[in-house]
PDB file of all heavy atoms in Angstrom:
ATOM      1  N   THR A   1     235.814  72.056 198.987  1.00  0.00           N
ATOM      2  CA  THR A   1     237.000  72.365 198.184  1.00  0.00           C
ATOM      3  C   THR A   1     238.122  72.918 199.058  1.00  0.00           C
ATOM      4  O   THR A   1     239.291  72.516 198.938  1.00  0.00           O
ATOM      5  CB  THR A   1     236.646  73.376 197.084  1.00  0.00           C
ATOM      6  OG1 THR A   1     235.610  72.833 196.266  1.00  0.00           O
ATOM      7  CG2 THR A   1     237.866  73.689 196.226  1.00  0.00           C
ATOM      8  N   GLU A   2     237.757  73.843 199.963  1.00  0.00           N
ATOM      9  CA  GLU A   2     238.749  74.399 200.882  1.00  0.00           C
ATOM     10  C   GLU A   2     239.275  73.322 201.829  1.00  0.00           C
ATOM     11  O   GLU A   2     240.462  73.282 202.162  1.00  0.00           O
ATOM     12  CB  GLU A   2     238.140  75.551 201.674  1.00  0.00           C
ATOM     13  CG  GLU A   2     238.040  76.855 200.912  1.00  0.00           C
ATOM     14  CD  GLU A   2     239.410  77.374 200.503  1.00  0.00           C
ATOM     15  OE1 GLU A   2     240.319  77.410 201.366  1.00  0.00           O
ATOM     16  OE2 GLU A   2     239.590  77.729 199.323  1.00  0.00           O
ATOM     17  N   ALA A   3     238.381  72.452 202.269  1.00  0.00           N
ATOM     18  CA  ALA A   3     238.792  71.372 203.176  1.00  0.00           C
ATOM     19  C   ALA A   3     239.801  70.456 202.491  1.00  0.00           C
ATOM     20  O   ALA A   3     240.814  70.059 203.086  1.00  0.00           O
ATOM     21  CB  ALA A   3     237.571  70.583 203.626  1.00  0.00           C
ATOM     22  N   GLU A   4     239.532  70.121 201.221  1.00  0.00           N
ATOM     23  CA  GLU A   4     240.464  69.253 200.502  1.00  0.00           C
ATOM     24  C   GLU A   4     241.804  69.946 200.277  1.00  0.00           C
ATOM     25  O   GLU A   4     242.861  69.315 200.357  1.00  0.00           O
ATOM     26  CB  GLU A   4     239.859  68.838 199.164  1.00  0.00           C
ATOM     27  CG  GLU A   4     240.700  67.806 198.431  1.00  0.00           C
ATOM     28  CD  GLU A   4     239.937  67.130 197.310  1.00  0.00           C
ATOM     29  OE1 GLU A   4     238.752  67.468 197.113  1.00  0.00           O
ATOM     30  OE2 GLU A   4     240.528  66.260 196.646  1.00  0.00           O
ATOM     31  N   ARG A   5     241.761  71.258 200.046  1.00  0.00           N
ATOM     32  CA  ARG A   5     242.994  72.005 199.868  1.00  0.00           C
ATOM     33  C   ARG A   5     243.820  71.990 201.171  1.00  0.00           C
ATOM     34  O   ARG A   5     245.042  71.809 201.142  1.00  0.00           O
ATOM     35  CB  ARG A   5     242.674  73.441 199.449  1.00  0.00           C
ATOM     36  CG  ARG A   5     243.923  74.255 199.110  1.00  0.00           C
ATOM     37  CD  ARG A   5     243.568  75.648 198.609  1.00  0.00           C
ATOM     38  NE  ARG A   5     242.888  75.583 197.308  1.00  0.00           N
ATOM     39  CZ  ARG A   5     241.646  75.968 197.094  1.00  0.00           C
ATOM     40  NH1 ARG A   5     240.929  76.469 198.097  1.00  0.00           N
ATOM     41  NH2 ARG A   5     241.106  75.879 195.892  1.00  0.00           N
ATOM     42  N   ALA A   6     243.136  72.163 202.307  1.00  0.00           N
ATOM     43  CA  ALA A   6     243.830  72.120 203.604  1.00  0.00           C
ATOM     44  C   ALA A   6     244.412  70.729 203.854  1.00  0.00           C
ATOM     45  O   ALA A   6     245.550  70.581 204.334  1.00  0.00           O
ATOM     46  CB  ALA A   6     242.864  72.500 204.724  1.00  0.00           C
ATOM     47  N   PHE A   7     243.638  69.699 203.533  1.00  0.00           N
ATOM     48  CA  PHE A   7     244.110  68.321 203.722  1.00  0.00           C
ATOM     49  C   PHE A   7     245.366  68.054 202.893  1.00  0.00           C
ATOM     50  O   PHE A   7     246.345  67.478 203.390  1.00  0.00           O
ATOM     51  CB  PHE A   7     242.996  67.348 203.336  1.00  0.00           C
ATOM     52  CG  PHE A   7     243.416  65.909 203.333  1.00  0.00           C
ATOM     53  CD1 PHE A   7     243.556  65.206 204.516  1.00  0.00           C
ATOM     54  CD2 PHE A   7     243.678  65.248 202.131  1.00  0.00           C
ATOM     55  CE1 PHE A   7     243.947  63.864 204.511  1.00  0.00           C
ATOM     56  CE2 PHE A   7     244.066  63.918 202.114  1.00  0.00           C
ATOM     57  CZ  PHE A   7     244.200  63.228 203.310  1.00  0.00           C
ATOM     58  N   GLN A   8     245.352  68.470 201.642  1.00  0.00           N
ATOM     59  CA  GLN A   8     246.508  68.222 200.778  1.00  0.00           C
ATOM     60  C   GLN A   8     247.732  69.010 201.240  1.00  0.00           C
ATOM     61  O   GLN A   8     248.871  68.553 201.074  1.00  0.00           O
ATOM     62  CB  GLN A   8     246.165  68.569 199.326  1.00  0.00           C
ATOM     63  CG  GLN A   8     245.105  67.658 198.701  1.00  0.00           C
ATOM     64  CD  GLN A   8     245.496  66.183 198.700  1.00  0.00           C
ATOM     65  OE1 GLN A   8     246.681  65.839 198.780  1.00  0.00           O
ATOM     66  NE2 GLN A   8     244.497  65.303 198.624  1.00  0.00           N
ATOM     67  N   ALA A   9     247.493  70.190 201.845  1.00  0.00           N
ATOM     68  CA  ALA A   9     248.622  70.944 202.411  1.00  0.00           C
ATOM     69  C   ALA A   9     249.270  70.147 203.538  1.00  0.00           C
ATOM     70  O   ALA A   9     250.506  70.117 203.674  1.00  0.00           O
ATOM     71  CB  ALA A   9     248.142  72.303 202.915  1.00  0.00           C
ATOM     72  N   GLY A  10     248.437  69.484 204.345  1.00  0.00           N
ATOM     73  CA  GLY A  10     248.980  68.645 205.413  1.00  0.00           C
ATOM     74  C   GLY A  10     249.718  67.439 204.880  1.00  0.00           C
ATOM     75  O   GLY A  10     250.798  67.077 205.388  1.00  0.00           O
ATOM     76  N   ILE A  11     249.155  66.779 203.865  1.00  0.00           N
ATOM     77  CA  ILE A  11     249.807  65.599 203.281  1.00  0.00           C
ATOM     78  C   ILE A  11     251.149  65.979 202.668  1.00  0.00           C
ATOM     79  O   ILE A  11     252.134  65.242 202.748  1.00  0.00           O
ATOM     80  CB  ILE A  11     248.892  64.944 202.235  1.00  0.00           C
ATOM     81  CG1 ILE A  11     247.650  64.348 202.914  1.00  0.00           C
ATOM     82  CG2 ILE A  11     249.628  63.869 201.458  1.00  0.00           C
ATOM     83  CD1 ILE A  11     247.952  63.260 203.920  1.00  0.00           C
ATOM     84  N   ALA A  12     251.210  67.167 202.040  1.00  0.00           N
ATOM     85  CA  ALA A  12     252.466  67.620 201.439  1.00  0.00           C
ATOM     86  C   ALA A  12     253.547  67.798 202.499  1.00  0.00           C
ATOM     87  O   ALA A  12     254.730  67.538 202.252  1.00  0.00           O
ATOM     88  CB  ALA A  12     252.239  68.925 200.686  1.00  0.00           C
ATOM     89  N   ALA A  13     253.153  68.257 203.707  1.00  0.00           N
ATOM     90  CA  ALA A  13     254.121  68.409 204.798  1.00  0.00           C
ATOM     91  C   ALA A  13     254.483  67.067 205.413  1.00  0.00           C
ATOM     92  O   ALA A  13     255.617  66.858 205.863  1.00  0.00           O
ATOM     93  CB  ALA A  13     253.552  69.341 205.863  1.00  0.00           C
ATOM     94  N   LEU A  14     253.517  66.143 205.420  1.00  0.00           N
ATOM     95  CA  LEU A  14     253.737  64.850 206.065  1.00  0.00           C
ATOM     96  C   LEU A  14     254.466  63.869 205.162  1.00  0.00           C
ATOM     97  O   LEU A  14     255.444  63.228 205.567  1.00  0.00           O
ATOM     98  CB  LEU A  14     252.384  64.265 206.491  1.00  0.00           C
ATOM     99  CG  LEU A  14     252.409  62.942 207.245  1.00  0.00           C
ATOM    100  CD1 LEU A  14     253.021  63.147 208.623  1.00  0.00           C
ATOM    101  CD2 LEU A  14     250.991  62.375 207.384  1.00  0.00           C
ATOM    102  N   LEU A  15     253.979  63.752 203.938  1.00  0.00           N
ATOM    103  CA  LEU A  15     254.533  62.786 202.994  1.00  0.00           C
ATOM    104  C   LEU A  15     254.787  63.492 201.663  1.00  0.00           C
ATOM    105  O   LEU A  15     253.979  63.384 200.727  1.00  0.00           O
ATOM    106  CB  LEU A  15     253.561  61.619 202.797  1.00  0.00           C
ATOM    107  CG  LEU A  15     253.204  60.801 204.044  1.00  0.00           C
ATOM    108  CD1 LEU A  15     251.996  59.925 203.779  1.00  0.00           C
ATOM    109  CD2 LEU A  15     254.398  59.958 204.482  1.00  0.00           C
ATOM    110  N   PRO A  16     255.861  64.243 201.556  1.00  0.00           N
ATOM    111  CA  PRO A  16     256.130  64.992 200.316  1.00  0.00           C
ATOM    112  C   PRO A  16     256.139  64.068 199.096  1.00  0.00           C
ATOM    113  O   PRO A  16     256.690  62.970 199.126  1.00  0.00           O
ATOM    114  CB  PRO A  16     257.519  65.597 200.562  1.00  0.00           C
ATOM    115  CG  PRO A  16     257.662  65.629 202.054  1.00  0.00           C
ATOM    116  CD  PRO A  16     256.915  64.432 202.561  1.00  0.00           C
ATOM    117  N   GLY A  17     255.482  64.539 198.038  1.00  0.00           N
ATOM    118  CA  GLY A  17     255.444  63.762 196.812  1.00  0.00           C
ATOM    119  C   GLY A  17     254.393  62.678 196.797  1.00  0.00           C
ATOM    120  O   GLY A  17     254.300  61.916 195.827  1.00  0.00           O
ATOM    121  N   THR A  18     253.600  62.585 197.876  1.00  0.00           N
ATOM    122  CA  THR A  18     252.565  61.554 197.965  1.00  0.00           C
ATOM    123  C   THR A  18     251.190  62.197 197.818  1.00  0.00           C
ATOM    124  O   THR A  18     250.938  63.281 198.353  1.00  0.00           O
ATOM    125  CB  THR A  18     252.646  60.816 199.318  1.00  0.00           C
ATOM    126  OG1 THR A  18     253.932  60.229 199.451  1.00  0.00           O
ATOM    127  CG2 THR A  18     251.589  59.724 199.404  1.00  0.00           C
ATOM    128  N   SER A  19     250.291  61.525 197.143  1.00  0.00           N
ATOM    129  CA  SER A  19     248.921  62.006 196.991  1.00  0.00           C
ATOM    130  C   SER A  19     247.968  61.001 197.628  1.00  0.00           C
ATOM    131  O   SER A  19     247.954  59.819 197.251  1.00  0.00           O
ATOM    132  CB  SER A  19     248.578  62.200 195.510  1.00  0.00           C
ATOM    133  OG  SER A  19     247.239  62.614 195.364  1.00  0.00           O
ATOM    134  N   LEU A  20     247.200  61.457 198.599  1.00  0.00           N
ATOM    135  CA  LEU A  20     246.210  60.615 199.255  1.00  0.00           C
ATOM    136  C   LEU A  20     244.838  61.232 199.067  1.00  0.00           C
ATOM    137  O   LEU A  20     244.691  62.457 199.066  1.00  0.00           O
ATOM    138  CB  LEU A  20     246.519  60.474 200.755  1.00  0.00           C
ATOM    139  CG  LEU A  20     247.791  59.718 201.133  1.00  0.00           C
ATOM    140  CD1 LEU A  20     247.952  59.684 202.650  1.00  0.00           C
ATOM    141  CD2 LEU A  20     247.757  58.297 200.588  1.00  0.00           C
ATOM    142  N   PRO A  21     243.786  60.423 198.920  1.00  0.00           N
ATOM    143  CA  PRO A  21     242.442  60.975 198.728  1.00  0.00           C
ATOM    144  C   PRO A  21     241.911  61.584 200.022  1.00  0.00           C
ATOM    145  O   PRO A  21     242.183  61.091 201.118  1.00  0.00           O
ATOM    146  CB  PRO A  21     241.624  59.750 198.315  1.00  0.00           C
ATOM    147  CG  PRO A  21     242.351  58.588 198.913  1.00  0.00           C
ATOM    148  CD  PRO A  21     243.810  58.943 198.861  1.00  0.00           C
ATOM    149  N   TYR A  22     241.169  62.660 199.879  1.00  0.00           N
ATOM    150  CA  TYR A  22     240.527  63.302 201.025  1.00  0.00           C
ATOM    151  C   TYR A  22     239.254  62.525 201.355  1.00  0.00           C
ATOM    152  O   TYR A  22     238.270  62.565 200.612  1.00  0.00           O
ATOM    153  CB  TYR A  22     240.198  64.751 200.682  1.00  0.00           C
ATOM    154  CG  TYR A  22     239.329  65.450 201.715  1.00  0.00           C
ATOM    155  CD1 TYR A  22     239.747  65.576 203.033  1.00  0.00           C
ATOM    156  CD2 TYR A  22     238.092  65.980 201.346  1.00  0.00           C
ATOM    157  CE1 TYR A  22     238.953  66.215 203.971  1.00  0.00           C
ATOM    158  CE2 TYR A  22     237.292  66.626 202.277  1.00  0.00           C
ATOM    159  CZ  TYR A  22     237.727  66.741 203.595  1.00  0.00           C
ATOM    160  OH  TYR A  22     236.934  67.368 204.529  1.00  0.00           O
ATOM    161  N   ALA A  23     239.282  61.776 202.462  1.00  0.00           N
ATOM    162  CA  ALA A  23     238.152  60.915 202.828  1.00  0.00           C
ATOM    163  C   ALA A  23     237.952  60.949 204.339  1.00  0.00           C
ATOM    164  O   ALA A  23     238.449  60.077 205.064  1.00  0.00           O
ATOM    165  CB  ALA A  23     238.404  59.488 202.348  1.00  0.00           C
ATOM    166  N   PRO A  24     237.219  61.958 204.845  1.00  0.00           N
ATOM    167  CA  PRO A  24     236.973  62.032 206.291  1.00  0.00           C
ATOM    168  C   PRO A  24     236.230  60.795 206.783  1.00  0.00           C
ATOM    169  O   PRO A  24     235.301  60.315 206.105  1.00  0.00           O
ATOM    170  CB  PRO A  24     236.097  63.288 206.428  1.00  0.00           C
ATOM    171  CG  PRO A  24     236.339  64.073 205.186  1.00  0.00           C
ATOM    172  CD  PRO A  24     236.605  63.065 204.112  1.00  0.00           C
ATOM    173  N   PRO A  25     236.609  60.235 207.932  1.00  0.00           N
ATOM    174  CA  PRO A  25     235.924  59.048 208.468  1.00  0.00           C
ATOM    175  C   PRO A  25     234.447  59.328 208.727  1.00  0.00           C
ATOM    176  O   PRO A  25     234.069  60.422 209.131  1.00  0.00           O
ATOM    177  CB  PRO A  25     236.677  58.766 209.779  1.00  0.00           C
ATOM    178  CG  PRO A  25     237.992  59.444 209.616  1.00  0.00           C
ATOM    179  CD  PRO A  25     237.739  60.647 208.778  1.00  0.00           C
ATOM    180  N   GLU A  26     233.614  58.307 208.477  1.00  0.00           N
ATOM    181  CA  GLU A  26     232.175  58.487 208.654  1.00  0.00           C
ATOM    182  C   GLU A  26     231.790  58.715 210.110  1.00  0.00           C
ATOM    183  O   GLU A  26     230.808  59.403 210.392  1.00  0.00           O
ATOM    184  CB  GLU A  26     231.444  57.263 208.096  1.00  0.00           C
ATOM    185  CG  GLU A  26     231.561  57.107 206.585  1.00  0.00           C
ATOM    186  CD  GLU A  26     230.782  55.911 206.074  1.00  0.00           C
ATOM    187  OE1 GLU A  26     230.151  55.239 206.914  1.00  0.00           O
ATOM    188  OE2 GLU A  26     230.797  55.663 204.852  1.00  0.00           O
ATOM    189  N   ASN A  27     232.517  58.110 211.032  1.00  0.00           N
ATOM    190  CA  ASN A  27     232.170  58.280 212.446  1.00  0.00           C
ATOM    191  C   ASN A  27     232.873  59.461 213.089  1.00  0.00           C
ATOM    192  O   ASN A  27     232.954  59.569 214.317  1.00  0.00           O
ATOM    193  CB  ASN A  27     232.467  57.001 213.237  1.00  0.00           C
ATOM    194  CG  ASN A  27     233.914  56.552 213.113  1.00  0.00           C
ATOM    195  OD1 ASN A  27     234.608  56.934 212.172  1.00  0.00           O
ATOM    196  ND2 ASN A  27     234.359  55.745 214.058  1.00  0.00           N
ATOM    197  N   GLY A  28     233.407  60.371 212.306  1.00  0.00           N
ATOM    198  CA  GLY A  28     233.949  61.625 212.816  1.00  0.00           C
ATOM    199  C   GLY A  28     235.111  61.442 213.765  1.00  0.00           C
ATOM    200  O   GLY A  28     235.976  60.576 213.561  1.00  0.00           O
TER     201      GLY A  28
END
């Protein structure tokens, strides 16, 4: 939950008004 919150904080700074799903790559 915290990780997704951090990710969305980054997306808000990168692409304001855009929502992207939190999906870490399987191969890290």
